[in-house]
Every structure is written in C-alpha cells, then in structure tokens.
Amino acid sequence: PPAGGDVDQIKNVAAGQCDVTMVNTYYLGRMINSDLIEERQVAEQVKVFWPNQDNRGAHFNVSGAGITKHASNVKEANALLDFLTSSKAQRWYAEINNEYPVVEGVESSSTLAAFGQAKRDPIALQILGENNAAAVQLMDQARWR
C-alpha cells in the first residue's frame, strides 16, 4: 500500500513503483520549481492527467473559511476573508503556492497552465458534505488510507 504524502507518491510514479497516483497538483508544482535538482528531475518524469474530461470533469479540492457565531473580532475576520479572496491574494496563491485561483479573472501560474486546461466537476459542495460519511465508510471497507 502507498505510504507517505503527495511528494512520496509522485516519487513512486517516477521510480516505476506504480503507474498512477492521486495527488494535489500544487505539490508537483512545488517540485517543478524546487531549488533541489533531485525534486525537479523527479517532476520531469511525471505528468498530470485530468480524469472525466468527457463527462462530469475532474474534482478540485477547495479550502473554506468562515467566522464563528461568537467571534470577538468580526470586523477583522471579515477583512481577512476579503483579503484572502482579493485578486492580490489569489495571485499569490497561484504564483507562489501553485494553487488554482478561485477569483474570476485571476490567471493561473505558468506552472499550472502547463498542466493543461481541465474541465472541473461542477458538483455543489453541499452534496459532497451530504455524502462524506458514506464515502468514508467505503474507504474504510476498502482499507484505503
């Protein structure tokens, strides 16, 4: 079974220990732009494949943020959320962390663009939440870790 994190799985594919893996693409982006030649050499041996492009599209992870009901610094918290969703912050996430921007009109980094244009699964996040418990149960039954 696989062991380690996303970078380990990328290394496993490059070493021929497996043919395919699922990872967050920003880890591959970091390796491509790494100061370590070993990481760049590994990254050159793999490529991104976008599944389900003929139908629903590929799943993209999302990050969420909110303000709790009893927060004492609501004004500051709102300012932080406004900043995180600003074009400036989204450009940083794209360029420095190789994450896909969520703000319309903010371009992906050249590293992300090199992975190709992907059709994204439009499923509502609410549906993912509603099915989370059943999905975890299936993963447990399959002994997926």
Protein backbone atom coordinates (compact mmCIF):
# COMPACT_ATOMS: atom_id res chain seq x y z
CA PRO A 1 0.00 0.00 0.00
CA PRO A 2 1.10 3.59 -0.53
CA ALA A 3 2.96 5.26 2.31
CA GLY A 4 3.82 8.89 2.84
CA GLY A 5 2.36 12.03 1.38
CA ASP A 6 1.82 13.54 -2.04
CA VAL A 7 5.52 14.09 -2.82
CA ASP A 8 6.27 10.46 -1.90
CA GLN A 9 3.56 9.30 -4.32
CA ILE A 10 4.98 11.45 -7.12
CA LYS A 11 8.40 9.93 -6.44
CA ASN A 12 6.85 6.43 -6.54
CA VAL A 13 5.41 7.04 -10.01
CA ALA A 14 8.74 8.43 -11.25
CA ALA A 15 10.56 5.39 -9.82
CA GLY A 16 8.17 3.00 -11.56
CA GLN A 17 6.73 1.65 -8.30
CA CYS A 18 3.26 2.47 -9.59
CA ASP A 19 1.74 3.77 -12.81
CA VAL A 20 -0.66 6.33 -11.42
CA THR A 21 -1.43 8.17 -8.21
CA MET A 22 -3.76 10.88 -6.95
CA VAL A 23 -2.09 13.96 -5.53
CA ASN A 24 -2.72 17.65 -5.09
CA THR A 25 -1.15 19.31 -8.12
CA TYR A 26 0.43 22.07 -6.05
CA TYR A 27 2.94 19.51 -4.73
CA LEU A 28 4.04 18.75 -8.28
CA GLY A 29 4.21 22.49 -8.94
CA ARG A 30 6.49 22.93 -5.93
CA MET A 31 8.74 20.14 -7.18
CA ILE A 32 8.92 21.63 -10.67
CA ASN A 33 10.03 24.96 -9.16
CA SER A 34 12.19 23.48 -6.40
CA ASP A 35 15.71 24.64 -5.61
CA LEU A 36 16.60 20.95 -5.28
CA ILE A 37 17.68 19.43 -8.60
CA GLU A 38 16.56 15.98 -7.38
CA GLU A 39 12.97 17.19 -6.99
CA ARG A 40 12.99 18.88 -10.40
CA GLN A 41 14.33 15.69 -12.01
CA VAL A 42 11.55 13.62 -10.42
CA ALA A 43 8.93 16.14 -11.54
CA GLU A 44 10.16 15.93 -15.14
CA GLN A 45 9.32 12.21 -15.19
CA VAL A 46 5.60 12.54 -14.46
CA LYS A 47 2.66 14.36 -15.98
CA VAL A 48 -0.78 15.46 -14.90
CA PHE A 49 -3.78 13.55 -16.17
CA TRP A 50 -7.22 15.11 -15.79
CA PRO A 51 -9.90 12.39 -15.38
CA ASN A 52 -13.51 12.54 -16.53
CA GLN A 53 -12.94 15.21 -19.17
CA ASP A 54 -15.58 13.71 -21.47
CA ASN A 55 -18.30 13.89 -18.83
CA ARG A 56 -18.50 15.48 -15.37
CA GLY A 57 -14.94 16.81 -15.11
CA ALA A 58 -12.21 16.42 -12.50
CA HIS A 59 -12.65 17.03 -8.80
CA PHE A 60 -10.79 20.08 -7.47
CA ASN A 61 -10.22 20.40 -3.73
CA VAL A 62 -11.34 23.62 -2.13
CA SER A 63 -10.40 25.48 1.03
CA GLY A 64 -13.02 27.21 3.08
CA ALA A 65 -13.06 29.89 5.75
CA GLY A 66 -15.75 31.35 7.91
CA ILE A 67 -16.43 33.33 11.02
CA THR A 68 -17.85 31.64 14.09
CA LYS A 69 -21.02 32.93 15.69
CA HIS A 70 -19.23 34.02 18.86
CA ALA A 71 -16.14 35.53 17.23
CA SER A 72 -14.92 38.61 19.08
CA ASN A 73 -13.14 40.22 16.11
CA VAL A 74 -15.77 40.02 13.38
CA LYS A 75 -14.64 43.19 11.62
CA GLU A 76 -11.04 41.95 11.42
CA ALA A 77 -12.16 38.47 10.40
CA ASN A 78 -14.24 39.93 7.57
CA ALA A 79 -11.22 41.99 6.49
CA LEU A 80 -9.10 38.83 6.39
CA LEU A 81 -11.71 36.97 4.31
CA ASP A 82 -11.95 39.95 1.97
CA PHE A 83 -8.18 39.94 1.58
CA LEU A 84 -7.95 36.17 1.01
CA THR A 85 -10.49 36.44 -1.80
CA SER A 86 -8.87 39.52 -3.34
CA SER A 87 -7.11 39.37 -6.70
CA LYS A 88 -3.81 40.19 -4.96
CA ALA A 89 -4.03 37.23 -2.56
CA GLN A 90 -5.32 34.88 -5.24
CA ARG A 91 -2.37 35.81 -7.49
CA TRP A 92 -0.04 34.95 -4.59
CA TYR A 93 -1.69 31.55 -4.10
CA ALA A 94 -1.39 30.88 -7.83
CA GLU A 95 2.19 32.09 -8.31
CA ILE A 96 3.84 31.11 -5.04
CA ASN A 97 1.85 28.11 -3.84
CA ASN A 98 0.71 26.76 -7.23
CA GLU A 99 -2.95 26.67 -6.24
CA TYR A 100 -5.78 27.38 -8.64
CA PRO A 101 -7.31 30.82 -8.07
CA VAL A 102 -10.99 30.99 -7.17
CA VAL A 103 -11.47 34.60 -8.19
CA GLU A 104 -12.74 35.17 -11.72
CA GLY A 105 -10.13 36.85 -13.91
CA VAL A 106 -7.08 35.84 -11.85
CA GLU A 107 -4.73 33.85 -14.05
CA SER A 108 -3.15 30.57 -13.01
CA SER A 109 0.63 30.43 -12.72
CA SER A 110 2.64 29.36 -15.75
CA THR A 111 3.36 26.11 -13.89
CA LEU A 112 -0.35 25.37 -13.50
CA ALA A 113 -1.06 26.44 -17.07
CA ALA A 114 1.48 23.87 -18.27
CA PHE A 115 -0.68 21.14 -16.69
CA GLY A 116 -3.34 21.93 -19.29
CA GLN A 117 -6.87 23.22 -19.06
CA ALA A 118 -9.15 20.95 -17.06
CA LYS A 119 -12.90 20.69 -17.02
CA ARG A 120 -13.90 20.97 -13.35
CA ASP A 121 -16.65 18.90 -11.79
CA PRO A 122 -19.45 21.40 -11.06
CA ILE A 123 -20.91 19.41 -8.14
CA ALA A 124 -22.24 21.58 -5.32
CA LEU A 125 -20.10 21.44 -2.18
CA GLN A 126 -23.25 20.76 -0.15
CA ILE A 127 -23.64 17.42 -1.95
CA LEU A 128 -20.06 16.48 -1.09
CA GLY A 129 -20.79 17.18 2.57
CA GLU A 130 -24.00 15.18 2.49
CA ASN A 131 -22.15 12.15 1.10
CA ASN A 132 -18.99 12.42 3.21
CA ALA A 133 -19.94 9.82 5.84
CA ALA A 134 -20.85 7.22 3.20
CA ALA A 135 -17.62 7.94 1.29
CA VAL A 136 -15.52 7.49 4.43
CA GLN A 137 -17.31 4.20 5.13
CA LEU A 138 -16.50 2.95 1.62
CA MET A 139 -12.85 3.94 2.03
CA ASP A 140 -12.71 2.10 5.36
CA GLN A 141 -14.24 -1.02 3.79
CA ALA A 142 -11.64 -0.87 1.01
CA ARG A 143 -8.91 -0.29 3.63
CA TRP A 144 -7.87 2.85 1.78
CA ARG A 145 -5.56 5.12 3.74
